């Protein structure tokens, strides 16, 4: 796969604006590295030279240049595909949330077993926690309750408690 060494960087921004973005310490390290690459090209380096200075392959340099020429600064931002799709559909997740809202005291293991029994999908405990957070549910430790406490404890307290 041969590429033309005569490719030039489009002048989307001026050299001074490019240096300002670099000096501002671009927060995304990947974008900062790519801005340095474009800066080398603005200053007259060839793609193989600029790639060697940054320690990247020439092929990566050509990819960055193509993305810069096509989209400018936005083309330098990483593009992530999003990962593997969920085993549970959105409809099944909403069904799960409805089931979980029927009761307040679910454990993660119980939710894991519920998902496995109801939807025939197996998840790790860690992934079940992630799913619960994405559904807007929060994990928490229950308050300890005394088994000797009567059911009407608040009423009994109100009757016996007096203001000073």
N, C-alpha and C. Protein backbone atom coordinates (compact mmCIF):
# COMPACT_ATOMS: atom_id res chain seq x y z
N UNK A 1 0.85 -1.17 0.00
CA UNK A 1 0.00 0.00 0.00
C UNK A 1 0.89 1.24 0.00
N UNK A 2 1.02 1.86 -1.12
CA UNK A 2 1.88 3.02 -1.25
C UNK A 2 1.04 4.29 -1.20
N UNK A 3 1.55 5.26 -0.47
CA UNK A 3 0.85 6.54 -0.35
C UNK A 3 1.73 7.63 -0.95
N UNK A 4 1.10 8.65 -1.40
CA UNK A 4 1.83 9.76 -2.01
C UNK A 4 2.53 10.59 -0.94
N UNK A 5 3.85 10.76 -1.02
CA UNK A 5 4.54 11.58 -0.03
C UNK A 5 4.27 13.07 -0.22
N UNK A 6 3.56 13.44 -1.27
CA UNK A 6 3.32 14.86 -1.53
C UNK A 6 2.07 15.39 -0.85
N UNK A 7 1.42 14.58 0.01
CA UNK A 7 0.24 15.07 0.73
C UNK A 7 0.64 16.20 1.66
N UNK A 8 -0.16 17.25 1.67
CA UNK A 8 0.11 18.40 2.52
C UNK A 8 -1.05 18.57 3.49
N UNK A 9 -0.74 19.15 4.64
CA UNK A 9 -1.77 19.40 5.65
C UNK A 9 -2.58 20.62 5.26
N UNK A 10 -3.90 20.47 5.30
CA UNK A 10 -4.79 21.61 5.05
C UNK A 10 -4.60 22.63 6.17
N UNK A 11 -4.69 23.88 5.83
CA UNK A 11 -4.52 24.95 6.81
C UNK A 11 -5.87 25.32 7.42
N UNK A 12 -6.40 24.43 8.27
CA UNK A 12 -7.69 24.68 8.91
C UNK A 12 -7.58 25.85 9.89
N UNK A 13 -6.45 25.92 10.58
CA UNK A 13 -6.22 27.02 11.51
C UNK A 13 -4.82 27.56 11.25
N UNK A 14 -4.56 28.75 11.73
CA UNK A 14 -3.24 29.33 11.52
C UNK A 14 -2.21 28.64 12.40
N UNK A 15 -0.97 28.85 12.07
CA UNK A 15 0.12 28.25 12.84
C UNK A 15 0.10 28.75 14.28
N UNK A 16 -0.25 30.03 14.47
CA UNK A 16 -0.30 30.60 15.82
C UNK A 16 -1.43 29.97 16.64
N UNK A 17 -2.60 29.78 16.00
CA UNK A 17 -3.72 29.15 16.70
C UNK A 17 -3.39 27.71 17.07
N UNK A 18 -2.68 27.03 16.20
CA UNK A 18 -2.27 25.66 16.48
C UNK A 18 -1.33 25.62 17.68
N UNK A 19 -0.38 26.55 17.71
CA UNK A 19 0.55 26.61 18.85
C UNK A 19 -0.18 26.96 20.14
N UNK A 20 -1.20 27.83 20.06
CA UNK A 20 -1.98 28.17 21.25
C UNK A 20 -2.69 26.94 21.81
N UNK A 21 -3.26 26.14 20.91
CA UNK A 21 -3.95 24.92 21.37
C UNK A 21 -2.97 23.96 22.03
N UNK A 22 -1.78 23.88 21.49
CA UNK A 22 -0.78 23.00 22.08
C UNK A 22 -0.33 23.55 23.43
N UNK A 23 -0.11 24.87 23.52
CA UNK A 23 0.33 25.49 24.77
C UNK A 23 -0.73 25.40 25.86
N UNK A 24 -2.00 25.43 25.46
CA UNK A 24 -3.08 25.34 26.44
C UNK A 24 -3.09 23.97 27.10
N UNK A 25 -2.22 23.12 26.66
CA UNK A 25 -2.15 21.76 27.19
C UNK A 25 -3.48 21.06 26.96
N UNK A 26 -3.73 20.74 25.73
CA UNK A 26 -4.92 19.97 25.36
C UNK A 26 -5.09 18.85 26.37
N UNK A 27 -6.28 18.73 26.94
CA UNK A 27 -6.51 17.77 28.01
C UNK A 27 -6.42 16.33 27.54
N UNK A 28 -6.85 16.07 26.32
CA UNK A 28 -6.78 14.72 25.79
C UNK A 28 -5.38 14.51 25.22
N UNK A 29 -4.63 13.61 25.83
CA UNK A 29 -3.24 13.39 25.44
C UNK A 29 -3.12 12.91 24.00
N UNK A 30 -4.08 12.10 23.55
CA UNK A 30 -4.03 11.61 22.17
C UNK A 30 -4.18 12.77 21.19
N UNK A 31 -5.08 13.68 21.49
CA UNK A 31 -5.29 14.83 20.60
C UNK A 31 -4.06 15.73 20.63
N UNK A 32 -3.46 15.90 21.80
CA UNK A 32 -2.25 16.72 21.91
C UNK A 32 -1.13 16.16 21.05
N UNK A 33 -0.95 14.85 21.08
CA UNK A 33 0.09 14.20 20.27
C UNK A 33 -0.19 14.43 18.78
N UNK A 34 -1.44 14.36 18.39
CA UNK A 34 -1.81 14.57 16.99
C UNK A 34 -1.64 16.03 16.58
N UNK A 35 -1.89 16.95 17.52
CA UNK A 35 -1.65 18.37 17.22
C UNK A 35 -0.17 18.63 17.00
N UNK A 36 0.69 17.97 17.80
CA UNK A 36 2.13 18.09 17.58
C UNK A 36 2.50 17.58 16.18
N UNK A 37 1.90 16.49 15.77
CA UNK A 37 2.15 15.93 14.44
C UNK A 37 1.80 16.95 13.36
N UNK A 38 0.61 17.57 13.47
CA UNK A 38 0.19 18.56 12.49
C UNK A 38 1.10 19.78 12.53
N UNK A 39 1.56 20.15 13.73
CA UNK A 39 2.50 21.27 13.86
C UNK A 39 3.79 20.99 13.09
N UNK A 40 4.30 19.76 13.21
CA UNK A 40 5.50 19.40 12.45
C UNK A 40 5.26 19.53 10.95
N UNK A 41 4.07 19.13 10.50
CA UNK A 41 3.76 19.24 9.07
C UNK A 41 3.64 20.70 8.66
N UNK A 42 3.05 21.54 9.52
CA UNK A 42 2.96 22.97 9.24
C UNK A 42 4.35 23.59 9.09
N UNK A 43 5.31 23.07 9.88
CA UNK A 43 6.67 23.62 9.86
C UNK A 43 7.54 23.02 8.77
N UNK A 44 6.97 22.22 7.88
CA UNK A 44 7.71 21.75 6.71
C UNK A 44 8.25 20.34 6.79
N UNK A 45 8.00 19.63 7.86
CA UNK A 45 8.46 18.24 7.94
C UNK A 45 7.61 17.38 7.01
N UNK A 46 8.22 16.32 6.52
CA UNK A 46 7.45 15.36 5.74
C UNK A 46 6.72 14.43 6.71
N UNK A 47 5.81 13.65 6.19
CA UNK A 47 5.03 12.74 7.04
C UNK A 47 5.94 11.70 7.69
N UNK A 48 6.86 11.08 6.95
CA UNK A 48 7.75 10.12 7.62
C UNK A 48 8.62 10.76 8.71
N UNK A 49 9.09 12.00 8.48
CA UNK A 49 9.90 12.68 9.49
C UNK A 49 9.09 12.99 10.74
N UNK A 50 7.90 13.55 10.55
CA UNK A 50 7.05 13.89 11.69
C UNK A 50 6.64 12.63 12.45
N UNK A 51 6.38 11.55 11.72
CA UNK A 51 6.02 10.29 12.37
C UNK A 51 7.17 9.76 13.20
N UNK A 52 8.37 9.86 12.67
CA UNK A 52 9.55 9.37 13.39
C UNK A 52 9.79 10.20 14.66
N UNK A 53 9.59 11.52 14.58
CA UNK A 53 9.80 12.38 15.74
C UNK A 53 8.83 12.03 16.88
N UNK A 54 7.62 11.62 16.53
CA UNK A 54 6.63 11.29 17.55
C UNK A 54 6.63 9.81 17.93
N UNK A 55 7.41 9.01 17.20
CA UNK A 55 7.48 7.59 17.52
C UNK A 55 6.26 6.81 17.09
N UNK A 56 5.66 7.23 15.99
CA UNK A 56 4.51 6.50 15.45
C UNK A 56 4.88 5.96 14.08
N UNK A 57 4.07 5.06 13.56
CA UNK A 57 4.35 4.51 12.24
C UNK A 57 3.95 5.52 11.17
N UNK A 58 4.52 5.36 9.99
CA UNK A 58 4.17 6.25 8.88
C UNK A 58 2.70 6.09 8.53
N UNK A 59 2.21 4.86 8.60
CA UNK A 59 0.82 4.60 8.27
C UNK A 59 -0.11 5.39 9.20
N UNK A 60 0.21 5.41 10.49
CA UNK A 60 -0.58 6.18 11.44
C UNK A 60 -0.52 7.66 11.10
N UNK A 61 0.65 8.14 10.70
CA UNK A 61 0.80 9.54 10.30
C UNK A 61 -0.09 9.89 9.11
N UNK A 62 -0.14 9.01 8.13
CA UNK A 62 -0.99 9.25 6.97
C UNK A 62 -2.47 9.25 7.37
N UNK A 63 -2.84 8.36 8.29
CA UNK A 63 -4.23 8.32 8.75
C UNK A 63 -4.59 9.63 9.46
N UNK A 64 -3.69 10.10 10.34
CA UNK A 64 -3.95 11.35 11.05
C UNK A 64 -4.07 12.52 10.08
N UNK A 65 -3.20 12.54 9.07
CA UNK A 65 -3.23 13.62 8.09
C UNK A 65 -4.53 13.60 7.30
N UNK A 66 -4.97 12.40 6.89
CA UNK A 66 -6.23 12.29 6.14
C UNK A 66 -7.40 12.78 6.99
N UNK A 67 -7.39 12.41 8.26
CA UNK A 67 -8.48 12.84 9.15
C UNK A 67 -8.43 14.35 9.36
N UNK A 68 -7.22 14.91 9.49
CA UNK A 68 -7.06 16.37 9.65
C UNK A 68 -7.55 17.08 8.39
N UNK A 69 -7.16 16.61 7.22
CA UNK A 69 -7.55 17.25 5.98
C UNK A 69 -9.06 17.17 5.75
N UNK A 70 -9.68 16.11 6.23
CA UNK A 70 -11.11 15.94 6.02
C UNK A 70 -11.94 16.73 7.04
N UNK A 71 -11.59 16.63 8.34
CA UNK A 71 -12.44 17.19 9.39
C UNK A 71 -11.77 18.25 10.25
N UNK A 72 -10.52 18.56 10.03
CA UNK A 72 -9.85 19.56 10.86
C UNK A 72 -9.61 19.04 12.27
N UNK A 73 -9.75 19.93 13.25
CA UNK A 73 -9.50 19.58 14.66
C UNK A 73 -10.38 18.42 15.11
N UNK A 74 -11.64 18.42 14.70
CA UNK A 74 -12.57 17.35 15.11
C UNK A 74 -12.09 15.99 14.61
N UNK A 75 -11.37 15.95 13.50
CA UNK A 75 -10.87 14.70 12.97
C UNK A 75 -9.77 14.09 13.81
N UNK A 76 -9.14 14.90 14.65
CA UNK A 76 -8.06 14.39 15.49
C UNK A 76 -8.57 13.73 16.77
N UNK A 77 -9.82 13.97 17.10
CA UNK A 77 -10.37 13.37 18.32
C UNK A 77 -10.58 11.88 18.09
N UNK A 78 -10.28 11.07 19.12
CA UNK A 78 -10.46 9.62 18.98
C UNK A 78 -11.93 9.27 18.73
N UNK A 79 -12.13 8.26 17.94
CA UNK A 79 -13.48 7.79 17.64
C UNK A 79 -13.60 6.36 18.17
N UNK A 80 -14.39 6.22 19.19
CA UNK A 80 -14.56 4.90 19.79
C UNK A 80 -15.88 4.33 19.32
N UNK A 81 -15.90 3.05 19.01
CA UNK A 81 -17.08 2.41 18.45
C UNK A 81 -18.14 2.10 19.50
N UNK A 82 -17.77 2.03 20.79
CA UNK A 82 -18.77 1.81 21.81
C UNK A 82 -18.75 0.44 22.44
N UNK A 83 -18.06 -0.50 21.88
CA UNK A 83 -17.94 -1.80 22.51
C UNK A 83 -19.01 -2.79 22.11
N UNK A 84 -19.01 -3.89 22.81
CA UNK A 84 -19.90 -5.00 22.51
C UNK A 84 -21.34 -4.65 22.91
N UNK A 85 -22.31 -5.04 22.08
CA UNK A 85 -23.69 -4.76 22.44
C UNK A 85 -24.13 -5.59 23.64
N UNK A 86 -25.10 -5.07 24.39
CA UNK A 86 -25.58 -5.73 25.60
C UNK A 86 -26.35 -6.99 25.24
N UNK A 87 -26.27 -7.98 26.13
CA UNK A 87 -27.02 -9.22 25.93
C UNK A 87 -28.50 -9.01 26.22
N UNK A 88 -28.81 -8.02 27.06
CA UNK A 88 -30.19 -7.68 27.37
C UNK A 88 -30.64 -6.52 26.50
N UNK A 89 -31.78 -6.66 25.85
CA UNK A 89 -32.31 -5.56 25.05
C UNK A 89 -32.86 -4.48 25.98
N UNK A 90 -33.15 -3.32 25.42
CA UNK A 90 -33.70 -2.23 26.23
C UNK A 90 -35.05 -2.63 26.82
N UNK A 91 -35.83 -3.39 26.07
CA UNK A 91 -37.14 -3.85 26.56
C UNK A 91 -36.96 -4.78 27.77
N UNK A 92 -35.99 -5.68 27.67
CA UNK A 92 -35.74 -6.60 28.79
C UNK A 92 -35.20 -5.85 30.00
N UNK A 93 -34.40 -4.82 29.75
CA UNK A 93 -33.89 -4.01 30.87
C UNK A 93 -35.03 -3.27 31.57
N UNK A 94 -35.99 -2.77 30.80
CA UNK A 94 -37.12 -2.09 31.44
C UNK A 94 -37.97 -3.08 32.22
N UNK A 95 -38.12 -4.31 31.71
CA UNK A 95 -38.84 -5.35 32.46
C UNK A 95 -38.11 -5.66 33.76
N UNK A 96 -36.79 -5.75 33.68
CA UNK A 96 -35.98 -6.02 34.87
C UNK A 96 -36.18 -4.91 35.91
N UNK A 97 -36.18 -3.66 35.45
CA UNK A 97 -36.34 -2.54 36.38
C UNK A 97 -37.71 -2.59 37.06
N UNK A 98 -38.75 -2.94 36.30
CA UNK A 98 -40.09 -3.07 36.89
C UNK A 98 -40.11 -4.16 37.97
N UNK A 99 -39.46 -5.28 37.69
CA UNK A 99 -39.41 -6.37 38.66
C UNK A 99 -38.66 -5.92 39.91
N UNK A 100 -37.54 -5.22 39.71
CA UNK A 100 -36.73 -4.78 40.84
C UNK A 100 -37.44 -3.73 41.69
N UNK A 101 -38.31 -2.93 41.07
CA UNK A 101 -39.03 -1.89 41.82
C UNK A 101 -40.13 -2.46 42.71
N UNK A 102 -40.49 -3.73 42.50
CA UNK A 102 -41.51 -4.36 43.34
C UNK A 102 -41.02 -4.58 44.76
N UNK A 103 -39.72 -4.67 44.92
CA UNK A 103 -39.12 -4.93 46.22
C UNK A 103 -37.93 -4.00 46.43
N UNK A 104 -37.60 -3.68 47.67
CA UNK A 104 -36.50 -2.73 47.94
C UNK A 104 -35.19 -3.39 48.33
N UNK A 105 -35.22 -4.63 48.73
CA UNK A 105 -34.03 -5.21 49.35
C UNK A 105 -33.38 -6.32 48.53
N UNK A 106 -33.04 -6.01 47.29
CA UNK A 106 -32.37 -6.98 46.43
C UNK A 106 -30.88 -6.99 46.72
N UNK A 107 -30.27 -8.16 46.67
CA UNK A 107 -28.82 -8.24 46.69
C UNK A 107 -28.34 -8.41 45.25
N UNK A 108 -27.09 -8.14 45.01
CA UNK A 108 -26.56 -8.28 43.67
C UNK A 108 -26.64 -9.74 43.21
N UNK A 109 -26.39 -10.66 44.12
CA UNK A 109 -26.49 -12.09 43.76
C UNK A 109 -27.91 -12.45 43.37
N UNK A 110 -28.89 -11.91 44.09
CA UNK A 110 -30.28 -12.18 43.76
C UNK A 110 -30.64 -11.63 42.39
N UNK A 111 -30.15 -10.44 42.08
CA UNK A 111 -30.42 -9.84 40.77
C UNK A 111 -29.75 -10.67 39.68
N UNK A 112 -28.54 -11.12 39.94
CA UNK A 112 -27.83 -11.97 38.97
C UNK A 112 -28.64 -13.23 38.69
N UNK A 113 -29.13 -13.88 39.75
CA UNK A 113 -29.93 -15.10 39.58
C UNK A 113 -31.25 -14.81 38.88
N UNK A 114 -31.85 -13.66 39.19
CA UNK A 114 -33.10 -13.26 38.55
C UNK A 114 -32.90 -13.09 37.04
N UNK A 115 -31.82 -12.41 36.66
CA UNK A 115 -31.53 -12.21 35.23
C UNK A 115 -31.32 -13.55 34.54
N UNK A 116 -30.61 -14.45 35.22
CA UNK A 116 -30.33 -15.76 34.63
C UNK A 116 -31.62 -16.58 34.48
N UNK A 117 -32.49 -16.55 35.50
CA UNK A 117 -33.73 -17.33 35.44
C UNK A 117 -34.74 -16.73 34.48
N UNK A 118 -34.91 -15.42 34.54
CA UNK A 118 -35.96 -14.76 33.77
C UNK A 118 -35.59 -14.57 32.29
N UNK A 119 -34.32 -14.21 32.04
CA UNK A 119 -33.91 -13.85 30.68
C UNK A 119 -32.89 -14.81 30.07
N UNK A 120 -32.47 -15.81 30.81
CA UNK A 120 -31.49 -16.81 30.34
C UNK A 120 -30.18 -16.17 29.87
N UNK A 121 -29.74 -15.17 30.61
CA UNK A 121 -28.49 -14.48 30.32
C UNK A 121 -27.64 -14.50 31.58
N UNK A 122 -26.36 -14.87 31.42
CA UNK A 122 -25.49 -14.93 32.58
C UNK A 122 -24.51 -13.77 32.58
N UNK A 123 -24.47 -13.06 33.72
CA UNK A 123 -23.56 -11.94 33.91
C UNK A 123 -22.74 -12.18 35.16
N UNK A 124 -21.59 -11.51 35.24
CA UNK A 124 -20.80 -11.52 36.48
C UNK A 124 -21.44 -10.54 37.46
N UNK A 125 -21.05 -10.65 38.72
CA UNK A 125 -21.58 -9.73 39.73
C UNK A 125 -21.20 -8.29 39.41
N UNK A 126 -19.99 -8.11 38.91
CA UNK A 126 -19.54 -6.75 38.56
C UNK A 126 -20.42 -6.16 37.46
N UNK A 127 -20.72 -6.97 36.44
CA UNK A 127 -21.55 -6.47 35.34
C UNK A 127 -22.97 -6.20 35.79
N UNK A 128 -23.49 -7.01 36.71
CA UNK A 128 -24.83 -6.77 37.26
C UNK A 128 -24.85 -5.41 37.96
N UNK A 129 -23.80 -5.10 38.71
CA UNK A 129 -23.71 -3.79 39.35
C UNK A 129 -23.71 -2.65 38.35
N UNK A 130 -23.01 -2.83 37.24
CA UNK A 130 -22.97 -1.81 36.18
C UNK A 130 -24.37 -1.64 35.58
N UNK A 131 -25.05 -2.74 35.33
CA UNK A 131 -26.40 -2.68 34.77
C UNK A 131 -27.34 -1.94 35.73
N UNK A 132 -27.23 -2.25 37.02
CA UNK A 132 -28.09 -1.59 38.01
C UNK A 132 -27.85 -0.09 38.05
N UNK A 133 -26.59 0.33 37.98
CA UNK A 133 -26.28 1.77 37.96
C UNK A 133 -26.84 2.42 36.69
N UNK A 134 -26.72 1.72 35.55
CA UNK A 134 -27.24 2.27 34.30
C UNK A 134 -28.76 2.38 34.31
N UNK A 135 -29.41 1.54 35.09
CA UNK A 135 -30.87 1.62 35.22
C UNK A 135 -31.30 2.71 36.19
N UNK A 136 -30.34 3.36 36.82
CA UNK A 136 -30.64 4.43 37.76
C UNK A 136 -30.86 3.94 39.18
N UNK A 137 -30.55 2.69 39.43
CA UNK A 137 -30.69 2.13 40.77
C UNK A 137 -29.38 2.25 41.51
N UNK A 138 -29.46 2.39 42.81
CA UNK A 138 -28.24 2.58 43.59
C UNK A 138 -28.04 1.41 44.53
N UNK A 139 -26.79 1.04 44.67
CA UNK A 139 -26.45 -0.03 45.59
C UNK A 139 -26.23 0.58 46.97
N UNK A 140 -26.67 -0.11 47.98
CA UNK A 140 -26.48 0.40 49.33
C UNK A 140 -26.53 -0.72 50.34
N UNK A 141 -25.97 -0.45 51.49
CA UNK A 141 -26.01 -1.42 52.57
C UNK A 141 -27.22 -1.11 53.44
N UNK A 142 -27.98 -2.13 53.80
CA UNK A 142 -29.18 -1.87 54.61
C UNK A 142 -28.80 -1.56 56.06
N UNK A 143 -29.68 -0.79 56.71
CA UNK A 143 -29.49 -0.55 58.13
C UNK A 143 -29.80 -1.85 58.88
N UNK A 144 -29.04 -2.14 59.92
CA UNK A 144 -29.37 -3.34 60.70
C UNK A 144 -30.68 -3.13 61.44
N UNK A 145 -31.52 -4.13 61.46
CA UNK A 145 -32.80 -4.02 62.14
C UNK A 145 -32.86 -5.07 63.24
N UNK A 146 -33.33 -4.64 64.38
CA UNK A 146 -33.44 -5.53 65.53
C UNK A 146 -34.67 -6.41 65.36
N UNK A 147 -34.46 -7.70 65.44
CA UNK A 147 -35.56 -8.63 65.26
C UNK A 147 -36.59 -8.53 66.39
N UNK A 148 -36.21 -7.94 67.52
CA UNK A 148 -37.11 -7.80 68.66
C UNK A 148 -37.99 -6.55 68.56
N UNK A 149 -37.73 -5.69 67.59
CA UNK A 149 -38.46 -4.43 67.46
C UNK A 149 -39.90 -4.71 67.05
N UNK A 150 -40.87 -4.13 67.77
CA UNK A 150 -42.27 -4.34 67.39
C UNK A 150 -42.61 -3.61 66.10
N UNK A 151 -43.62 -4.05 65.41
CA UNK A 151 -44.03 -3.45 64.13
C UNK A 151 -44.51 -2.02 64.31
N UNK A 152 -45.10 -1.69 65.48
CA UNK A 152 -45.59 -0.34 65.71
C UNK A 152 -44.67 0.45 66.65
N UNK A 153 -43.39 0.31 66.47
CA UNK A 153 -42.40 0.94 67.36
C UNK A 153 -42.52 2.47 67.34
N UNK A 154 -42.76 3.06 66.15
CA UNK A 154 -42.86 4.52 66.07
C UNK A 154 -44.06 5.03 66.87
N UNK A 155 -45.17 4.33 66.78
CA UNK A 155 -46.37 4.74 67.52
C UNK A 155 -46.15 4.65 69.03
N UNK A 156 -45.50 3.56 69.46
CA UNK A 156 -45.21 3.41 70.88
C UNK A 156 -44.27 4.51 71.37
N UNK A 157 -43.29 4.87 70.53
CA UNK A 157 -42.34 5.92 70.88
C UNK A 157 -43.05 7.27 71.04
N UNK A 158 -43.96 7.56 70.11
CA UNK A 158 -44.69 8.84 70.16
C UNK A 158 -45.55 8.94 71.42
N UNK A 159 -46.12 7.81 71.86
CA UNK A 159 -46.97 7.82 73.05
C UNK A 159 -46.16 8.02 74.34
N UNK A 160 -44.97 7.47 74.38
CA UNK A 160 -44.17 7.52 75.61
C UNK A 160 -43.22 8.70 75.67
N UNK A 161 -42.91 9.31 74.58
CA UNK A 161 -41.96 10.40 74.55
C UNK A 161 -42.64 11.70 74.93
N UNK A 162 -42.03 12.47 75.78
CA UNK A 162 -42.63 13.75 76.19
C UNK A 162 -41.65 14.89 75.94
N UNK A 163 -42.20 16.05 75.69
CA UNK A 163 -41.38 17.25 75.51
C UNK A 163 -41.00 17.79 76.88
N UNK A 164 -39.84 18.30 77.00
CA UNK A 164 -39.38 18.88 78.28
C UNK A 164 -39.87 20.29 78.45
